[in-house]
Amino acid sequence: MEVMVYNRFYVAETLALFLDGSGISEPILKLGKVNVEAAAQIVLLREVEARLVRWKDHAVAAIRNAACAVTNAENSV
């Protein structure tokens, strides 16, 4: 859960539309099918990224182990 704190300056400058009817305000939250689909895609892409990072880490470890095995084999000959 992300917590956001708005100070009085933000409220006075940005949310004046809601307080006294003056000023303009950007939407704080946008709902809709497109946004829900985009949010789901972001979650999926983050999961894929995390999986690829784990695979990379395993591949790097496997390469190091193979290099050590080759060095050990060469030294024993």
PDB file of N, CA and C in Angstrom:
ATOM      1  N   MET A   1       0.845  -1.165   0.000  1.00  0.00           N
ATOM      2  CA  MET A   1       0.000   0.000   0.000  1.00  0.00           C
ATOM      3  C   MET A   1       0.897   1.237   0.000  1.00  0.00           C
ATOM      4  N   GLU A   2       0.608   2.166  -0.871  1.00  0.00           N
ATOM      5  CA  GLU A   2       1.388   3.385  -0.976  1.00  0.00           C
ATOM      6  C   GLU A   2       0.641   4.513  -0.286  1.00  0.00           C
ATOM      7  N   VAL A   3       1.322   5.202   0.614  1.00  0.00           N
ATOM      8  CA  VAL A   3       0.724   6.315   1.350  1.00  0.00           C
ATOM      9  C   VAL A   3       1.259   7.608   0.767  1.00  0.00           C
ATOM     10  N   MET A   4       0.360   8.538   0.463  1.00  0.00           N
ATOM     11  CA  MET A   4       0.750   9.827  -0.076  1.00  0.00           C
ATOM     12  C   MET A   4       0.235  10.920   0.850  1.00  0.00           C
ATOM     13  N   VAL A   5       1.088  11.854   1.146  1.00  0.00           N
ATOM     14  CA  VAL A   5       0.719  12.953   2.041  1.00  0.00           C
ATOM     15  C   VAL A   5       0.745  14.241   1.238  1.00  0.00           C
ATOM     16  N   TYR A   6      -0.322  15.010   1.348  1.00  0.00           N
ATOM     17  CA  TYR A   6      -0.426  16.280   0.641  1.00  0.00           C
ATOM     18  C   TYR A   6      -0.382  17.405   1.657  1.00  0.00           C
ATOM     19  N   ASN A   7       0.573  18.323   1.480  1.00  0.00           N
ATOM     20  CA  ASN A   7       0.656  19.433   2.415  1.00  0.00           C
ATOM     21  C   ASN A   7      -0.326  20.546   2.028  1.00  0.00           C
ATOM     22  N   ARG A   8      -0.435  21.547   2.843  1.00  0.00           N
ATOM     23  CA  ARG A   8      -1.429  22.601   2.631  1.00  0.00           C
ATOM     24  C   ARG A   8      -1.173  23.384   1.345  1.00  0.00           C
ATOM     25  N   PHE A   9       0.103  23.507   0.926  1.00  0.00           N
ATOM     26  CA  PHE A   9       0.405  24.231  -0.304  1.00  0.00           C
ATOM     27  C   PHE A   9      -0.111  23.475  -1.518  1.00  0.00           C
ATOM     28  N   TYR A  10       0.067  22.170  -1.505  1.00  0.00           N
ATOM     29  CA  TYR A  10      -0.456  21.348  -2.596  1.00  0.00           C
ATOM     30  C   TYR A  10      -1.973  21.471  -2.662  1.00  0.00           C
ATOM     31  N   VAL A  11      -2.599  21.371  -1.510  1.00  0.00           N
ATOM     32  CA  VAL A  11      -4.056  21.462  -1.463  1.00  0.00           C
ATOM     33  C   VAL A  11      -4.514  22.822  -1.964  1.00  0.00           C
ATOM     34  N   ALA A  12      -3.864  23.890  -1.500  1.00  0.00           N
ATOM     35  CA  ALA A  12      -4.281  25.238  -1.888  1.00  0.00           C
ATOM     36  C   ALA A  12      -4.080  25.473  -3.380  1.00  0.00           C
ATOM     37  N   GLU A  13      -2.990  24.979  -3.948  1.00  0.00           N
ATOM     38  CA  GLU A  13      -2.688  25.245  -5.352  1.00  0.00           C
ATOM     39  C   GLU A  13      -3.398  24.292  -6.306  1.00  0.00           C
ATOM     40  N   THR A  14      -3.432  23.043  -5.974  1.00  0.00           N
ATOM     41  CA  THR A  14      -3.915  22.042  -6.908  1.00  0.00           C
ATOM     42  C   THR A  14      -5.376  21.668  -6.703  1.00  0.00           C
ATOM     43  N   LEU A  15      -5.819  21.662  -5.472  1.00  0.00           N
ATOM     44  CA  LEU A  15      -7.187  21.218  -5.202  1.00  0.00           C
ATOM     45  C   LEU A  15      -8.160  22.366  -4.959  1.00  0.00           C
ATOM     46  N   ALA A  16      -7.783  23.574  -5.353  1.00  0.00           N
ATOM     47  CA  ALA A  16      -8.663  24.724  -5.153  1.00  0.00           C
ATOM     48  C   ALA A  16     -10.009  24.532  -5.839  1.00  0.00           C
ATOM     49  N   LEU A  17     -10.012  23.808  -6.958  1.00  0.00           N
ATOM     50  CA  LEU A  17     -11.245  23.531  -7.674  1.00  0.00           C
ATOM     51  C   LEU A  17     -12.268  22.863  -6.764  1.00  0.00           C
ATOM     52  N   PHE A  18     -11.797  21.956  -5.930  1.00  0.00           N
ATOM     53  CA  PHE A  18     -12.702  21.227  -5.053  1.00  0.00           C
ATOM     54  C   PHE A  18     -13.038  22.004  -3.779  1.00  0.00           C
ATOM     55  N   LEU A  19     -12.151  22.916  -3.395  1.00  0.00           N
ATOM     56  CA  LEU A  19     -12.369  23.664  -2.161  1.00  0.00           C
ATOM     57  C   LEU A  19     -13.298  24.853  -2.348  1.00  0.00           C
ATOM     58  N   ASP A  20     -13.017  25.662  -3.376  1.00  0.00           N
ATOM     59  CA  ASP A  20     -13.842  26.867  -3.557  1.00  0.00           C
ATOM     60  C   ASP A  20     -14.297  27.069  -4.997  1.00  0.00           C
ATOM     61  N   GLY A  21     -14.028  26.108  -5.869  1.00  0.00           N
ATOM     62  CA  GLY A  21     -14.489  26.205  -7.245  1.00  0.00           C
ATOM     63  C   GLY A  21     -13.529  26.934  -8.162  1.00  0.00           C
ATOM     64  N   SER A  22     -12.440  27.449  -7.647  1.00  0.00           N
ATOM     65  CA  SER A  22     -11.473  28.130  -8.499  1.00  0.00           C
ATOM     66  C   SER A  22     -10.340  27.189  -8.850  1.00  0.00           C
ATOM     67  N   GLY A  23      -9.586  27.554  -9.855  1.00  0.00           N
ATOM     68  CA  GLY A  23      -8.413  26.767 -10.217  1.00  0.00           C
ATOM     69  C   GLY A  23      -8.759  25.527 -11.004  1.00  0.00           C
ATOM     70  N   ILE A  24      -7.718  24.799 -11.364  1.00  0.00           N
ATOM     71  CA  ILE A  24      -7.884  23.549 -12.106  1.00  0.00           C
ATOM     72  C   ILE A  24      -7.184  22.442 -11.334  1.00  0.00           C
ATOM     73  N   SER A  25      -7.537  21.241 -11.629  1.00  0.00           N
ATOM     74  CA  SER A  25      -6.929  20.118 -10.935  1.00  0.00           C
ATOM     75  C   SER A  25      -6.748  18.967 -11.897  1.00  0.00           C
ATOM     76  N   GLU A  26      -5.575  18.355 -11.851  1.00  0.00           N
ATOM     77  CA  GLU A  26      -5.328  17.128 -12.590  1.00  0.00           C
ATOM     78  C   GLU A  26      -6.012  15.987 -11.847  1.00  0.00           C
ATOM     79  N   PRO A  27      -6.482  14.988 -12.560  1.00  0.00           N
ATOM     80  CA  PRO A  27      -7.102  13.849 -11.868  1.00  0.00           C
ATOM     81  C   PRO A  27      -6.097  13.134 -10.972  1.00  0.00           C
ATOM     82  N   ILE A  28      -6.540  12.774  -9.813  1.00  0.00           N
ATOM     83  CA  ILE A  28      -5.691  12.053  -8.874  1.00  0.00           C
ATOM     84  C   ILE A  28      -5.718  10.561  -9.203  1.00  0.00           C
ATOM     85  N   LEU A  29      -6.869  10.070  -9.591  1.00  0.00           N
ATOM     86  CA  LEU A  29      -7.043   8.659  -9.875  1.00  0.00           C
ATOM     87  C   LEU A  29      -7.871   8.521 -11.132  1.00  0.00           C
ATOM     88  N   LYS A  30      -7.406   7.712 -12.057  1.00  0.00           N
ATOM     89  CA  LYS A  30      -8.148   7.480 -13.288  1.00  0.00           C
ATOM     90  C   LYS A  30      -8.585   6.023 -13.309  1.00  0.00           C
ATOM     91  N   LEU A  31      -9.855   5.815 -13.497  1.00  0.00           N
ATOM     92  CA  LEU A  31     -10.383   4.462 -13.573  1.00  0.00           C
ATOM     93  C   LEU A  31     -10.883   4.214 -14.983  1.00  0.00           C
ATOM     94  N   GLY A  32     -10.821   3.025 -15.407  1.00  0.00           N
ATOM     95  CA  GLY A  32     -11.326   2.666 -16.719  1.00  0.00           C
ATOM     96  C   GLY A  32     -10.680   1.381 -17.174  1.00  0.00           C
ATOM     97  N   LYS A  33     -11.277   0.792 -18.194  1.00  0.00           N
ATOM     98  CA  LYS A  33     -10.807  -0.493 -18.705  1.00  0.00           C
ATOM     99  C   LYS A  33      -9.364  -0.410 -19.178  1.00  0.00           C
ATOM    100  N   VAL A  34      -9.016   0.661 -19.882  1.00  0.00           N
ATOM    101  CA  VAL A  34      -7.662   0.801 -20.408  1.00  0.00           C
ATOM    102  C   VAL A  34      -6.653   0.866 -19.264  1.00  0.00           C
ATOM    103  N   ASN A  35      -6.966   1.626 -18.225  1.00  0.00           N
ATOM    104  CA  ASN A  35      -6.050   1.760 -17.099  1.00  0.00           C
ATOM    105  C   ASN A  35      -5.927   0.461 -16.310  1.00  0.00           C
ATOM    106  N   VAL A  36      -7.019  -0.245 -16.163  1.00  0.00           N
ATOM    107  CA  VAL A  36      -6.982  -1.531 -15.459  1.00  0.00           C
ATOM    108  C   VAL A  36      -6.133  -2.526 -16.245  1.00  0.00           C
ATOM    109  N   GLU A  37      -6.298  -2.544 -17.566  1.00  0.00           N
ATOM    110  CA  GLU A  37      -5.499  -3.442 -18.397  1.00  0.00           C
ATOM    111  C   GLU A  37      -4.021  -3.050 -18.347  1.00  0.00           C
ATOM    112  N   ALA A  38      -3.738  -1.760 -18.378  1.00  0.00           N
ATOM    113  CA  ALA A  38      -2.349  -1.292 -18.306  1.00  0.00           C
ATOM    114  C   ALA A  38      -1.726  -1.670 -16.970  1.00  0.00           C
ATOM    115  N   ALA A  39      -2.479  -1.532 -15.896  1.00  0.00           N
ATOM    116  CA  ALA A  39      -1.966  -1.898 -14.571  1.00  0.00           C
ATOM    117  C   ALA A  39      -1.665  -3.395 -14.508  1.00  0.00           C
ATOM    118  N   ALA A  40      -2.536  -4.204 -15.084  1.00  0.00           N
ATOM    119  CA  ALA A  40      -2.308  -5.651 -15.105  1.00  0.00           C
ATOM    120  C   ALA A  40      -1.070  -5.989 -15.931  1.00  0.00           C
ATOM    121  N   GLN A  41      -0.881  -5.290 -17.039  1.00  0.00           N
ATOM    122  CA  GLN A  41       0.292  -5.531 -17.882  1.00  0.00           C
ATOM    123  C   GLN A  41       1.573  -5.125 -17.142  1.00  0.00           C
ATOM    124  N   ILE A  42       1.525  -4.042 -16.400  1.00  0.00           N
ATOM    125  CA  ILE A  42       2.690  -3.609 -15.620  1.00  0.00           C
ATOM    126  C   ILE A  42       3.065  -4.670 -14.597  1.00  0.00           C
ATOM    127  N   VAL A  43       2.071  -5.217 -13.910  1.00  0.00           N
ATOM    128  CA  VAL A  43       2.334  -6.277 -12.924  1.00  0.00           C
ATOM    129  C   VAL A  43       2.967  -7.481 -13.603  1.00  0.00           C
ATOM    130  N   LEU A  44       2.426  -7.871 -14.751  1.00  0.00           N
ATOM    131  CA  LEU A  44       2.965  -9.017 -15.483  1.00  0.00           C
ATOM    132  C   LEU A  44       4.406  -8.755 -15.920  1.00  0.00           C
ATOM    133  N   LEU A  45       4.670  -7.572 -16.448  1.00  0.00           N
ATOM    134  CA  LEU A  45       6.022  -7.242 -16.903  1.00  0.00           C
ATOM    135  C   LEU A  45       7.010  -7.209 -15.744  1.00  0.00           C
ATOM    136  N   ARG A  46       6.576  -6.754 -14.594  1.00  0.00           N
ATOM    137  CA  ARG A  46       7.466  -6.760 -13.423  1.00  0.00           C
ATOM    138  C   ARG A  46       7.790  -8.188 -12.993  1.00  0.00           C
ATOM    139  N   GLU A  47       6.805  -9.084 -13.079  1.00  0.00           N
ATOM    140  CA  GLU A  47       7.043 -10.482 -12.741  1.00  0.00           C
ATOM    141  C   GLU A  47       8.020 -11.115 -13.734  1.00  0.00           C
ATOM    142  N   VAL A  48       7.850 -10.817 -15.020  1.00  0.00           N
ATOM    143  CA  VAL A  48       8.751 -11.343 -16.046  1.00  0.00           C
ATOM    144  C   VAL A  48      10.157 -10.809 -15.814  1.00  0.00           C
ATOM    145  N   GLU A  49      10.266  -9.522 -15.519  1.00  0.00           N
ATOM    146  CA  GLU A  49      11.576  -8.927 -15.249  1.00  0.00           C
ATOM    147  C   GLU A  49      12.261  -9.620 -14.068  1.00  0.00           C
ATOM    148  N   ALA A  50      11.518  -9.839 -12.996  1.00  0.00           N
ATOM    149  CA  ALA A  50      12.084 -10.498 -11.814  1.00  0.00           C
ATOM    150  C   ALA A  50      12.551 -11.913 -12.161  1.00  0.00           C
ATOM    151  N   ARG A  51      11.772 -12.621 -12.973  1.00  0.00           N
ATOM    152  CA  ARG A  51      12.145 -13.983 -13.368  1.00  0.00           C
ATOM    153  C   ARG A  51      13.416 -13.971 -14.219  1.00  0.00           C
ATOM    154  N   LEU A  52      13.501 -13.016 -15.138  1.00  0.00           N
ATOM    155  CA  LEU A  52      14.690 -12.922 -15.981  1.00  0.00           C
ATOM    156  C   LEU A  52      15.933 -12.577 -15.162  1.00  0.00           C
ATOM    157  N   VAL A  53      15.784 -11.734 -14.177  1.00  0.00           N
ATOM    158  CA  VAL A  53      16.912 -11.400 -13.303  1.00  0.00           C
ATOM    159  C   VAL A  53      17.371 -12.649 -12.551  1.00  0.00           C
ATOM    160  N   ARG A  54      16.414 -13.434 -12.038  1.00  0.00           N
ATOM    161  CA  ARG A  54      16.783 -14.678 -11.342  1.00  0.00           C
ATOM    162  C   ARG A  54      17.500 -15.635 -12.283  1.00  0.00           C
ATOM    163  N   TRP A  55      17.002 -15.772 -13.525  1.00  0.00           N
ATOM    164  CA  TRP A  55      17.648 -16.654 -14.503  1.00  0.00           C
ATOM    165  C   TRP A  55      19.054 -16.165 -14.812  1.00  0.00           C
ATOM    166  N   LYS A  56      19.207 -14.853 -14.949  1.00  0.00           N
ATOM    167  CA  LYS A  56      20.539 -14.286 -15.210  1.00  0.00           C
ATOM    168  C   LYS A  56      21.484 -14.622 -14.071  1.00  0.00           C
ATOM    169  N   ASP A  57      21.019 -14.455 -12.845  1.00  0.00           N
ATOM    170  CA  ASP A  57      21.856 -14.759 -11.685  1.00  0.00           C
ATOM    171  C   ASP A  57      22.277 -16.228 -11.684  1.00  0.00           C
ATOM    172  N   HIS A  58      21.340 -17.124 -12.013  1.00  0.00           N
ATOM    173  CA  HIS A  58      21.658 -18.552 -12.068  1.00  0.00           C
ATOM    174  C   HIS A  58      22.641 -18.840 -13.206  1.00  0.00           C
ATOM    175  N   ALA A  59      22.463 -18.177 -14.338  1.00  0.00           N
ATOM    176  CA  ALA A  59      23.364 -18.389 -15.472  1.00  0.00           C
ATOM    177  C   ALA A  59      24.770 -17.919 -15.139  1.00  0.00           C
ATOM    178  N   VAL A  60      24.883 -16.770 -14.489  1.00  0.00           N
ATOM    179  CA  VAL A  60      26.199 -16.251 -14.097  1.00  0.00           C
ATOM    180  C   VAL A  60      26.875 -17.231 -13.135  1.00  0.00           C
ATOM    181  N   ALA A  61      26.121 -17.745 -12.182  1.00  0.00           N
ATOM    182  CA  ALA A  61      26.684 -18.713 -11.233  1.00  0.00           C
ATOM    183  C   ALA A  61      27.116 -19.984 -11.954  1.00  0.00           C
ATOM    184  N   ALA A  62      26.315 -20.442 -12.913  1.00  0.00           N
ATOM    185  CA  ALA A  62      26.662 -21.654 -13.657  1.00  0.00           C
ATOM    186  C   ALA A  62      27.927 -21.441 -14.487  1.00  0.00           C
ATOM    187  N   ILE A  63      28.074 -20.258 -15.080  1.00  0.00           N
ATOM    188  CA  ILE A  63      29.278 -19.952 -15.863  1.00  0.00           C
ATOM    189  C   ILE A  63      30.507 -19.942 -14.961  1.00  0.00           C
ATOM    190  N   ARG A  64      30.384 -19.349 -13.797  1.00  0.00           N
ATOM    191  CA  ARG A  64      31.508 -19.328 -12.850  1.00  0.00           C
ATOM    192  C   ARG A  64      31.885 -20.744 -12.420  1.00  0.00           C
ATOM    193  N   ASN A  65      30.875 -21.554 -12.120  1.00  0.00           N
ATOM    194  CA  ASN A  65      31.140 -22.939 -11.713  1.00  0.00           C
ATOM    195  C   ASN A  65      31.813 -23.719 -12.833  1.00  0.00           C
ATOM    196  N   ALA A  66      31.365 -23.510 -14.064  1.00  0.00           N
ATOM    197  CA  ALA A  66      31.969 -24.205 -15.205  1.00  0.00           C
ATOM    198  C   ALA A  66      33.404 -23.754 -15.392  1.00  0.00           C
ATOM    199  N   ALA A  67      33.669 -22.452 -15.242  1.00  0.00           N
ATOM    200  CA  ALA A  67      35.039 -21.945 -15.388  1.00  0.00           C
ATOM    201  C   ALA A  67      35.942 -22.539 -14.316  1.00  0.00           C
ATOM    202  N   CYS A  68      35.445 -22.644 -13.107  1.00  0.00           N
ATOM    203  CA  CYS A  68      36.223 -23.262 -12.021  1.00  0.00           C
ATOM    204  C   CYS A  68      36.486 -24.739 -12.323  1.00  0.00           C
ATOM    205  N   ALA A  69      35.484 -25.425 -12.840  1.00  0.00           N
ATOM    206  CA  ALA A  69      35.649 -26.831 -13.164  1.00  0.00           C
ATOM    207  C   ALA A  69      36.693 -27.014 -14.267  1.00  0.00           C
ATOM    208  N   VAL A  70      36.680 -26.130 -15.257  1.00  0.00           N
ATOM    209  CA  VAL A  70      37.663 -26.213 -16.329  1.00  0.00           C
ATOM    210  C   VAL A  70      39.061 -25.962 -15.771  1.00  0.00           C
ATOM    211  N   THR A  71      39.183 -24.937 -14.935  1.00  0.00           N
ATOM    212  CA  THR A  71      40.489 -24.623 -14.313  1.00  0.00           C
ATOM    213  C   THR A  71      40.988 -25.795 -13.496  1.00  0.00           C
ATOM    214  N   ASN A  72      40.117 -26.388 -12.690  1.00  0.00           N
ATOM    215  CA  ASN A  72      40.496 -27.543 -11.869  1.00  0.00           C
ATOM    216  C   ASN A  72      40.910 -28.731 -12.735  1.00  0.00           C
ATOM    217  N   ALA A  73      40.190 -28.954 -13.830  1.00  0.00           N
ATOM    218  CA  ALA A  73      40.508 -30.062 -14.720  1.00  0.00           C
ATOM    219  C   ALA A  73      41.851 -29.825 -15.391  1.00  0.00           C
ATOM    220  N   GLU A  74      42.117 -28.593 -15.802  1.00  0.00           N
ATOM    221  CA  GLU A  74      43.383 -28.271 -16.446  1.00  0.00           C
ATOM    222  C   GLU A  74      44.550 -28.411 -15.474  1.00  0.00           C
ATOM    223  N   ASN A  75      44.319 -28.022 -14.227  1.00  0.00           N
ATOM    224  CA  ASN A  75      45.367 -28.125 -13.212  1.00  0.00           C
ATOM    225  C   ASN A  75      45.677 -29.568 -12.832  1.00  0.00           C
ATOM    226  N   SER A  76      44.701 -30.443 -12.960  1.00  0.00           N
ATOM    227  CA  SER A  76      44.912 -31.835 -12.589  1.00  0.00           C
ATOM    228  C   SER A  76      45.568 -32.643 -13.694  1.00  0.00           C
ATOM    229  N   VAL A  77      45.647 -32.080 -14.874  1.00  0.00           N
ATOM    230  CA  VAL A  77      46.259 -32.813 -15.998  1.00  0.00           C
ATOM    231  C   VAL A  77      47.738 -32.661 -15.982  1.00  0.00           C
TER     232      VAL A  77
END
